[in-house]
PDB file of N, CA and C in Angstrom:
ATOM      1  N   MET A   1      -5.426  -0.952 -26.754  1.00  0.00           N
ATOM      2  CA  MET A   1      -6.830  -0.382 -27.202  1.00  0.00           C
ATOM      3  C   MET A   1      -6.232   0.448 -28.482  1.00  0.00           C
ATOM      4  N   GLY A   2      -6.813   0.541 -29.712  1.00  0.00           N
ATOM      5  CA  GLY A   2      -6.410   1.321 -30.834  1.00  0.00           C
ATOM      6  C   GLY A   2      -7.204   2.149 -30.990  1.00  0.00           C
ATOM      7  N   ILE A   3      -6.767   3.185 -31.913  1.00  0.00           N
ATOM      8  CA  ILE A   3      -7.552   4.499 -31.974  1.00  0.00           C
ATOM      9  C   ILE A   3      -8.734   4.174 -33.225  1.00  0.00           C
ATOM     10  N   LYS A   4      -9.718   4.322 -32.842  1.00  0.00           N
ATOM     11  CA  LYS A   4     -10.890   4.380 -33.461  1.00  0.00           C
ATOM     12  C   LYS A   4     -10.897   5.067 -34.943  1.00  0.00           C
ATOM     13  N   SER A   5     -11.557   4.289 -35.920  1.00  0.00           N
ATOM     14  CA  SER A   5     -11.457   4.748 -37.263  1.00  0.00           C
ATOM     15  C   SER A   5     -12.050   5.919 -37.351  1.00  0.00           C
ATOM     16  N   MET A   6     -12.857   6.662 -36.876  1.00  0.00           N
ATOM     17  CA  MET A   6     -13.499   7.712 -36.615  1.00  0.00           C
ATOM     18  C   MET A   6     -12.710   8.988 -36.029  1.00  0.00           C
ATOM     19  N   GLN A   7     -11.825   8.364 -35.157  1.00  0.00           N
ATOM     20  CA  GLN A   7     -10.906   9.366 -34.762  1.00  0.00           C
ATOM     21  C   GLN A   7      -9.848   9.561 -35.536  1.00  0.00           C
ATOM     22  N   LEU A   8      -9.389   8.522 -36.046  1.00  0.00           N
ATOM     23  CA  LEU A   8      -8.158   8.702 -37.566  1.00  0.00           C
ATOM     24  C   LEU A   8      -8.676   9.893 -38.355  1.00  0.00           C
ATOM     25  N   LYS A   9      -9.805   9.500 -38.970  1.00  0.00           N
ATOM     26  CA  LYS A   9     -10.392  10.099 -39.974  1.00  0.00           C
ATOM     27  C   LYS A   9     -10.657  11.568 -39.432  1.00  0.00           C
ATOM     28  N   SER A  10     -10.873  11.967 -38.391  1.00  0.00           N
ATOM     29  CA  SER A  10     -11.078  13.164 -38.166  1.00  0.00           C
ATOM     30  C   SER A  10      -9.881  14.213 -37.629  1.00  0.00           C
ATOM     31  N   GLU A  11      -8.969  13.334 -37.470  1.00  0.00           N
ATOM     32  CA  GLU A  11      -7.452  14.080 -36.982  1.00  0.00           C
ATOM     33  C   GLU A  11      -6.621  14.179 -38.583  1.00  0.00           C
ATOM     34  N   ILE A  12      -6.898  13.031 -39.383  1.00  0.00           N
ATOM     35  CA  ILE A  12      -6.576  13.299 -40.935  1.00  0.00           C
ATOM     36  C   ILE A  12      -7.223  14.418 -41.538  1.00  0.00           C
ATOM     37  N   ARG A  13      -8.528  14.297 -41.381  1.00  0.00           N
ATOM     38  CA  ARG A  13      -9.183  15.553 -42.047  1.00  0.00           C
ATOM     39  C   ARG A  13      -8.626  17.085 -41.854  1.00  0.00           C
ATOM     40  N   VAL A  14      -8.597  17.117 -39.986  1.00  0.00           N
ATOM     41  CA  VAL A  14      -7.990  18.340 -39.762  1.00  0.00           C
ATOM     42  C   VAL A  14      -6.844  19.023 -40.304  1.00  0.00           C
ATOM     43  N   PHE A  15      -5.839  17.663 -40.501  1.00  0.00           N
ATOM     44  CA  PHE A  15      -4.597  17.901 -41.064  1.00  0.00           C
ATOM     45  C   PHE A  15      -4.601  18.631 -42.422  1.00  0.00           C
ATOM     46  N   ILE A  16      -5.224  18.082 -43.211  1.00  0.00           N
ATOM     47  CA  ILE A  16      -5.618  17.872 -44.708  1.00  0.00           C
ATOM     48  C   ILE A  16      -6.402  19.487 -44.992  1.00  0.00           C
ATOM     49  N   VAL A  17      -7.148  19.651 -44.146  1.00  0.00           N
ATOM     50  CA  VAL A  17      -8.040  21.097 -44.191  1.00  0.00           C
ATOM     51  C   VAL A  17      -7.087  22.137 -43.875  1.00  0.00           C
ATOM     52  N   GLU A  18      -6.706  22.253 -42.998  1.00  0.00           N
ATOM     53  CA  GLU A  18      -5.448  23.173 -42.300  1.00  0.00           C
ATOM     54  C   GLU A  18      -4.378  23.248 -43.057  1.00  0.00           C
ATOM     55  N   ASN A  19      -3.653  22.253 -43.454  1.00  0.00           N
ATOM     56  CA  ASN A  19      -2.438  22.087 -44.497  1.00  0.00           C
ATOM     57  C   ASN A  19      -2.742  22.277 -46.004  1.00  0.00           C
ATOM     58  N   PHE A  20      -3.477  21.907 -46.581  1.00  0.00           N
ATOM     59  CA  PHE A  20      -3.797  21.660 -48.012  1.00  0.00           C
ATOM     60  C   PHE A  20      -5.037  22.493 -48.592  1.00  0.00           C
ATOM     61  N   LEU A  21      -6.205  22.888 -47.696  1.00  0.00           N
ATOM     62  CA  LEU A  21      -7.429  23.346 -48.068  1.00  0.00           C
ATOM     63  C   LEU A  21      -7.448  24.983 -47.600  1.00  0.00           C
ATOM     64  N   TYR A  22      -6.583  25.050 -46.966  1.00  0.00           N
ATOM     65  CA  TYR A  22      -6.613  26.602 -46.384  1.00  0.00           C
ATOM     66  C   TYR A  22      -7.811  26.758 -45.375  1.00  0.00           C
ATOM     67  N   GLY A  23      -8.113  25.664 -44.710  1.00  0.00           N
ATOM     68  CA  GLY A  23      -9.107  25.748 -43.879  1.00  0.00           C
ATOM     69  C   GLY A  23     -10.953  25.644 -44.791  1.00  0.00           C
ATOM     70  N   GLN A  24     -10.856  25.875 -45.833  1.00  0.00           N
ATOM     71  CA  GLN A  24     -12.021  25.602 -46.644  1.00  0.00           C
ATOM     72  C   GLN A  24     -12.131  23.869 -46.767  1.00  0.00           C
ATOM     73  N   ASP A  25     -13.403  23.177 -46.438  1.00  0.00           N
ATOM     74  CA  ASP A  25     -13.801  21.978 -46.820  1.00  0.00           C
ATOM     75  C   ASP A  25     -15.014  21.625 -47.382  1.00  0.00           C
ATOM     76  N   ASP A  26     -15.402  22.558 -47.867  1.00  0.00           N
ATOM     77  CA  ASP A  26     -16.862  22.720 -48.784  1.00  0.00           C
ATOM     78  C   ASP A  26     -16.407  21.448 -49.813  1.00  0.00           C
ATOM     79  N   GLY A  27     -17.143  20.251 -49.656  1.00  0.00           N
ATOM     80  CA  GLY A  27     -17.769  19.439 -50.437  1.00  0.00           C
ATOM     81  C   GLY A  27     -16.260  18.342 -50.300  1.00  0.00           C
ATOM     82  N   PHE A  28     -15.415  18.444 -49.421  1.00  0.00           N
ATOM     83  CA  PHE A  28     -14.307  17.445 -49.170  1.00  0.00           C
ATOM     84  C   PHE A  28     -14.979  16.500 -48.392  1.00  0.00           C
ATOM     85  N   THR A  29     -15.180  15.067 -48.852  1.00  0.00           N
ATOM     86  CA  THR A  29     -15.523  14.048 -48.154  1.00  0.00           C
ATOM     87  C   THR A  29     -14.437  13.130 -48.119  1.00  0.00           C
ATOM     88  N   ASP A  30     -14.589  11.959 -47.137  1.00  0.00           N
ATOM     89  CA  ASP A  30     -13.472  10.998 -46.690  1.00  0.00           C
ATOM     90  C   ASP A  30     -13.105  10.127 -47.973  1.00  0.00           C
ATOM     91  N   GLY A  31     -13.805  10.203 -49.185  1.00  0.00           N
ATOM     92  CA  GLY A  31     -13.559   9.470 -50.024  1.00  0.00           C
ATOM     93  C   GLY A  31     -12.704  10.027 -51.409  1.00  0.00           C
ATOM     94  N   ILE A  32     -12.606  11.200 -51.442  1.00  0.00           N
ATOM     95  CA  ILE A  32     -12.107  12.473 -52.534  1.00  0.00           C
ATOM     96  C   ILE A  32     -10.930  11.809 -52.653  1.00  0.00           C
ATOM     97  N   SER A  33     -10.427  11.727 -53.833  1.00  0.00           N
ATOM     98  CA  SER A  33      -8.948  11.394 -54.227  1.00  0.00           C
ATOM     99  C   SER A  33      -8.041  12.583 -54.126  1.00  0.00           C
ATOM    100  N   PHE A  34      -7.343  12.377 -52.990  1.00  0.00           N
ATOM    101  CA  PHE A  34      -6.149  13.724 -52.997  1.00  0.00           C
ATOM    102  C   PHE A  34      -5.727  14.127 -54.027  1.00  0.00           C
ATOM    103  N   LEU A  35      -5.036  13.057 -54.942  1.00  0.00           N
ATOM    104  CA  LEU A  35      -4.385  13.251 -56.318  1.00  0.00           C
ATOM    105  C   LEU A  35      -5.125  13.471 -57.193  1.00  0.00           C
ATOM    106  N   GLY A  36      -6.340  12.792 -57.547  1.00  0.00           N
ATOM    107  CA  GLY A  36      -6.775  13.036 -58.550  1.00  0.00           C
ATOM    108  C   GLY A  36      -7.526  14.146 -58.636  1.00  0.00           C
ATOM    109  N   LYS A  37      -7.998  14.856 -57.668  1.00  0.00           N
ATOM    110  CA  LYS A  37      -8.495  16.295 -57.432  1.00  0.00           C
ATOM    111  C   LYS A  37      -7.659  17.183 -57.356  1.00  0.00           C
ATOM    112  N   GLY A  38      -6.279  16.954 -57.496  1.00  0.00           N
ATOM    113  CA  GLY A  38      -4.985  17.958 -57.512  1.00  0.00           C
ATOM    114  C   GLY A  38      -5.002  18.760 -55.994  1.00  0.00           C
ATOM    115  N   LEU A  39      -5.545  18.198 -55.037  1.00  0.00           N
ATOM    116  CA  LEU A  39      -5.463  18.401 -53.620  1.00  0.00           C
ATOM    117  C   LEU A  39      -4.071  18.698 -53.027  1.00  0.00           C
ATOM    118  N   ILE A  40      -3.313  17.299 -53.413  1.00  0.00           N
ATOM    119  CA  ILE A  40      -1.772  17.387 -52.686  1.00  0.00           C
ATOM    120  C   ILE A  40      -1.080  16.904 -53.721  1.00  0.00           C
ATOM    121  N   ASP A  41       0.241  17.613 -54.235  1.00  0.00           N
ATOM    122  CA  ASP A  41       1.075  17.065 -54.657  1.00  0.00           C
ATOM    123  C   ASP A  41       1.758  16.328 -54.227  1.00  0.00           C
ATOM    124  N   SER A  42       3.173  15.868 -55.063  1.00  0.00           N
ATOM    125  CA  SER A  42       4.175  14.953 -54.215  1.00  0.00           C
ATOM    126  C   SER A  42       4.832  15.375 -53.162  1.00  0.00           C
ATOM    127  N   THR A  43       5.140  16.604 -53.023  1.00  0.00           N
ATOM    128  CA  THR A  43       5.551  17.290 -51.767  1.00  0.00           C
ATOM    129  C   THR A  43       4.895  17.357 -50.849  1.00  0.00           C
ATOM    130  N   GLY A  44       3.380  17.586 -51.058  1.00  0.00           N
ATOM    131  CA  GLY A  44       2.229  17.239 -49.860  1.00  0.00           C
ATOM    132  C   GLY A  44       2.171  16.156 -49.547  1.00  0.00           C
ATOM    133  N   VAL A  45       2.306  15.248 -50.678  1.00  0.00           N
ATOM    134  CA  VAL A  45       2.586  13.597 -49.969  1.00  0.00           C
ATOM    135  C   VAL A  45       3.733  13.440 -48.759  1.00  0.00           C
ATOM    136  N   LEU A  46       5.161  14.093 -48.969  1.00  0.00           N
ATOM    137  CA  LEU A  46       5.979  14.016 -47.962  1.00  0.00           C
ATOM    138  C   LEU A  46       5.568  14.390 -46.530  1.00  0.00           C
ATOM    139  N   GLU A  47       4.784  15.664 -46.752  1.00  0.00           N
ATOM    140  CA  GLU A  47       4.298  16.416 -45.712  1.00  0.00           C
ATOM    141  C   GLU A  47       3.202  15.542 -44.725  1.00  0.00           C
ATOM    142  N   LEU A  48       2.434  15.043 -45.646  1.00  0.00           N
ATOM    143  CA  LEU A  48       1.503  13.818 -44.918  1.00  0.00           C
ATOM    144  C   LEU A  48       2.091  12.600 -44.262  1.00  0.00           C
ATOM    145  N   VAL A  49       3.032  12.215 -44.843  1.00  0.00           N
ATOM    146  CA  VAL A  49       3.978  11.041 -44.047  1.00  0.00           C
ATOM    147  C   VAL A  49       4.719  11.527 -42.943  1.00  0.00           C
ATOM    148  N   SER A  50       5.169  12.825 -42.952  1.00  0.00           N
ATOM    149  CA  SER A  50       5.892  13.312 -41.842  1.00  0.00           C
ATOM    150  C   SER A  50       4.894  13.355 -40.709  1.00  0.00           C
ATOM    151  N   PHE A  51       3.657  13.954 -41.197  1.00  0.00           N
ATOM    152  CA  PHE A  51       2.429  13.892 -40.349  1.00  0.00           C
ATOM    153  C   PHE A  51       2.336  12.844 -39.528  1.00  0.00           C
ATOM    154  N   ILE A  52       2.325  11.999 -40.437  1.00  0.00           N
ATOM    155  CA  ILE A  52       1.912  10.300 -39.623  1.00  0.00           C
ATOM    156  C   ILE A  52       2.490   9.953 -38.768  1.00  0.00           C
ATOM    157  N   GLU A  53       3.958   9.870 -39.346  1.00  0.00           N
ATOM    158  CA  GLU A  53       5.054   9.433 -38.665  1.00  0.00           C
ATOM    159  C   GLU A  53       5.119   9.981 -37.260  1.00  0.00           C
ATOM    160  N   GLU A  54       4.864  11.147 -37.189  1.00  0.00           N
ATOM    161  CA  GLU A  54       4.914  12.048 -36.140  1.00  0.00           C
ATOM    162  C   GLU A  54       4.253  11.755 -35.134  1.00  0.00           C
ATOM    163  N   LYS A  55       2.816  12.119 -35.764  1.00  0.00           N
ATOM    164  CA  LYS A  55       1.696  11.797 -35.020  1.00  0.00           C
ATOM    165  C   LYS A  55       1.012  10.377 -34.425  1.00  0.00           C
ATOM    166  N   TYR A  56       1.775   9.339 -35.179  1.00  0.00           N
ATOM    167  CA  TYR A  56       1.257   7.651 -34.748  1.00  0.00           C
ATOM    168  C   TYR A  56       2.296   7.017 -34.246  1.00  0.00           C
ATOM    169  N   GLY A  57       3.421   7.844 -34.491  1.00  0.00           N
ATOM    170  CA  GLY A  57       4.737   6.696 -34.119  1.00  0.00           C
ATOM    171  C   GLY A  57       4.796   5.943 -35.053  1.00  0.00           C
ATOM    172  N   ILE A  58       4.720   5.588 -36.399  1.00  0.00           N
ATOM    173  CA  ILE A  58       4.745   4.539 -37.270  1.00  0.00           C
ATOM    174  C   ILE A  58       6.144   5.134 -37.980  1.00  0.00           C
ATOM    175  N   ALA A  59       6.415   4.205 -38.886  1.00  0.00           N
ATOM    176  CA  ALA A  59       7.444   4.266 -40.092  1.00  0.00           C
ATOM    177  C   ALA A  59       6.535   3.890 -41.372  1.00  0.00           C
ATOM    178  N   VAL A  60       6.788   4.836 -42.316  1.00  0.00           N
ATOM    179  CA  VAL A  60       6.004   4.434 -43.362  1.00  0.00           C
ATOM    180  C   VAL A  60       7.107   4.223 -44.724  1.00  0.00           C
ATOM    181  N   ASP A  61       7.343   2.932 -45.159  1.00  0.00           N
ATOM    182  CA  ASP A  61       8.344   2.287 -46.177  1.00  0.00           C
ATOM    183  C   ASP A  61       7.871   2.919 -47.256  1.00  0.00           C
ATOM    184  N   ASP A  62       9.033   3.243 -48.296  1.00  0.00           N
ATOM    185  CA  ASP A  62       8.965   3.782 -49.540  1.00  0.00           C
ATOM    186  C   ASP A  62       7.967   3.038 -50.329  1.00  0.00           C
ATOM    187  N   GLU A  63       7.922   1.437 -50.160  1.00  0.00           N
ATOM    188  CA  GLU A  63       7.093   0.635 -50.736  1.00  0.00           C
ATOM    189  C   GLU A  63       5.590   0.893 -50.720  1.00  0.00           C
ATOM    190  N   GLU A  64       5.023   1.544 -49.449  1.00  0.00           N
ATOM    191  CA  GLU A  64       4.105   1.628 -49.018  1.00  0.00           C
ATOM    192  C   GLU A  64       3.464   3.064 -49.680  1.00  0.00           C
ATOM    193  N   LEU A  65       4.330   3.781 -50.196  1.00  0.00           N
ATOM    194  CA  LEU A  65       3.694   4.931 -50.579  1.00  0.00           C
ATOM    195  C   LEU A  65       3.359   5.167 -52.081  1.00  0.00           C
ATOM    196  N   VAL A  66       1.942   4.549 -52.068  1.00  0.00           N
ATOM    197  CA  VAL A  66       1.239   4.328 -53.233  1.00  0.00           C
ATOM    198  C   VAL A  66      -0.267   4.562 -52.749  1.00  0.00           C
ATOM    199  N   PRO A  67      -0.540   5.262 -53.929  1.00  0.00           N
ATOM    200  CA  PRO A  67      -2.655   5.239 -53.689  1.00  0.00           C
ATOM    201  C   PRO A  67      -3.302   4.774 -53.019  1.00  0.00           C
ATOM    202  N   ASP A  68      -2.968   3.577 -53.134  1.00  0.00           N
ATOM    203  CA  ASP A  68      -3.881   2.755 -52.512  1.00  0.00           C
ATOM    204  C   ASP A  68      -3.734   2.882 -51.077  1.00  0.00           C
ATOM    205  N   ASN A  69      -2.597   3.350 -50.411  1.00  0.00           N
ATOM    206  CA  ASN A  69      -2.672   3.750 -49.101  1.00  0.00           C
ATOM    207  C   ASN A  69      -2.812   5.256 -48.551  1.00  0.00           C
ATOM    208  N   PHE A  70      -2.657   6.258 -49.518  1.00  0.00           N
ATOM    209  CA  PHE A  70      -2.256   7.504 -49.431  1.00  0.00           C
ATOM    210  C   PHE A  70      -3.437   8.478 -50.300  1.00  0.00           C
ATOM    211  N   ASP A  71      -4.307   7.949 -50.900  1.00  0.00           N
ATOM    212  CA  ASP A  71      -4.902   8.828 -51.867  1.00  0.00           C
ATOM    213  C   ASP A  71      -6.459   9.480 -51.345  1.00  0.00           C
ATOM    214  N   SER A  72      -6.835   9.178 -50.429  1.00  0.00           N
ATOM    215  CA  SER A  72      -8.146   9.820 -49.447  1.00  0.00           C
ATOM    216  C   SER A  72      -7.897   9.442 -47.974  1.00  0.00           C
ATOM    217  N   ILE A  73      -9.002  10.022 -47.371  1.00  0.00           N
ATOM    218  CA  ILE A  73      -8.880   9.745 -45.909  1.00  0.00           C
ATOM    219  C   ILE A  73      -9.484   8.464 -45.654  1.00  0.00           C
ATOM    220  N   ASP A  74     -10.211   7.967 -46.414  1.00  0.00           N
ATOM    221  CA  ASP A  74     -10.817   6.622 -46.078  1.00  0.00           C
ATOM    222  C   ASP A  74      -9.526   5.253 -46.431  1.00  0.00           C
ATOM    223  N   LYS A  75      -8.890   5.723 -47.590  1.00  0.00           N
ATOM    224  CA  LYS A  75      -7.726   4.462 -47.453  1.00  0.00           C
ATOM    225  C   LYS A  75      -6.563   5.158 -46.552  1.00  0.00           C
ATOM    226  N   LEU A  76      -6.201   6.221 -46.160  1.00  0.00           N
ATOM    227  CA  LEU A  76      -5.429   6.627 -45.323  1.00  0.00           C
ATOM    228  C   LEU A  76      -5.845   6.215 -44.053  1.00  0.00           C
ATOM    229  N   SER A  77      -6.919   6.486 -43.475  1.00  0.00           N
ATOM    230  CA  SER A  77      -7.006   5.777 -42.362  1.00  0.00           C
ATOM    231  C   SER A  77      -6.972   4.367 -41.732  1.00  0.00           C
ATOM    232  N   LEU A  78      -7.634   3.584 -42.901  1.00  0.00           N
ATOM    233  CA  LEU A  78      -7.272   2.283 -43.105  1.00  0.00           C
ATOM    234  C   LEU A  78      -5.852   1.810 -42.742  1.00  0.00           C
ATOM    235  N   PHE A  79      -4.951   2.201 -43.768  1.00  0.00           N
ATOM    236  CA  PHE A  79      -3.497   2.303 -43.660  1.00  0.00           C
ATOM    237  C   PHE A  79      -2.908   2.419 -42.292  1.00  0.00           C
ATOM    238  N   ILE A  80      -3.227   3.413 -41.711  1.00  0.00           N
ATOM    239  CA  ILE A  80      -2.787   3.941 -40.434  1.00  0.00           C
ATOM    240  C   ILE A  80      -3.321   2.599 -39.317  1.00  0.00           C
ATOM    241  N   ALA A  81      -4.718   2.513 -39.293  1.00  0.00           N
ATOM    242  CA  ALA A  81      -4.919   1.434 -38.516  1.00  0.00           C
ATOM    243  C   ALA A  81      -4.446  -0.084 -38.777  1.00  0.00           C
ATOM    244  N   GLU A  82      -4.078  -0.294 -39.755  1.00  0.00           N
ATOM    245  CA  GLU A  82      -3.415  -1.414 -40.027  1.00  0.00           C
ATOM    246  C   GLU A  82      -1.845  -1.738 -39.378  1.00  0.00           C
ATOM    247  N   LYS A  83      -1.253  -0.289 -39.774  1.00  0.00           N
ATOM    248  CA  LYS A  83       0.161   0.004 -39.148  1.00  0.00           C
ATOM    249  C   LYS A  83       0.153  -0.162 -37.693  1.00  0.00           C
ATOM    250  N   LEU A  84      -0.773   0.395 -37.112  1.00  0.00           N
ATOM    251  CA  LEU A  84      -0.954   0.546 -35.786  1.00  0.00           C
ATOM    252  C   LEU A  84      -1.195  -0.699 -34.685  1.00  0.00           C
ATOM    253  N   ASN A  85      -2.087  -1.407 -35.985  1.00  0.00           N
ATOM    254  CA  ASN A  85      -2.265  -3.048 -35.292  1.00  0.00           C
ATOM    255  C   ASN A  85      -1.314  -4.073 -35.638  1.00  0.00           C
ATOM    256  N   SER A  86      -0.196  -3.838 -36.447  1.00  0.00           N
ATOM    257  CA  SER A  86       0.623  -4.648 -36.649  1.00  0.00           C
ATOM    258  C   SER A  86       1.711  -4.736 -35.750  1.00  0.00           C
TER     259      SER A  86
END
């Protein structure tokens, strides 16, 4: 039984809001670009990877560290779901 998409998005959202938005999620949607909006920098991406690896027990390879996988809650939840189902 896999984690549902909405649950993944909710868990990612909580982490992002608490760690990068200081509890303020006004106007923050699942499709907003982390990098494009300056919400997360390169150090933040590493924190995000650490969270994902610990929370979901998956390994993120260097070649997977691309915006297509990590640039929004939508993209990140799809990436995690694919890793969990592989």
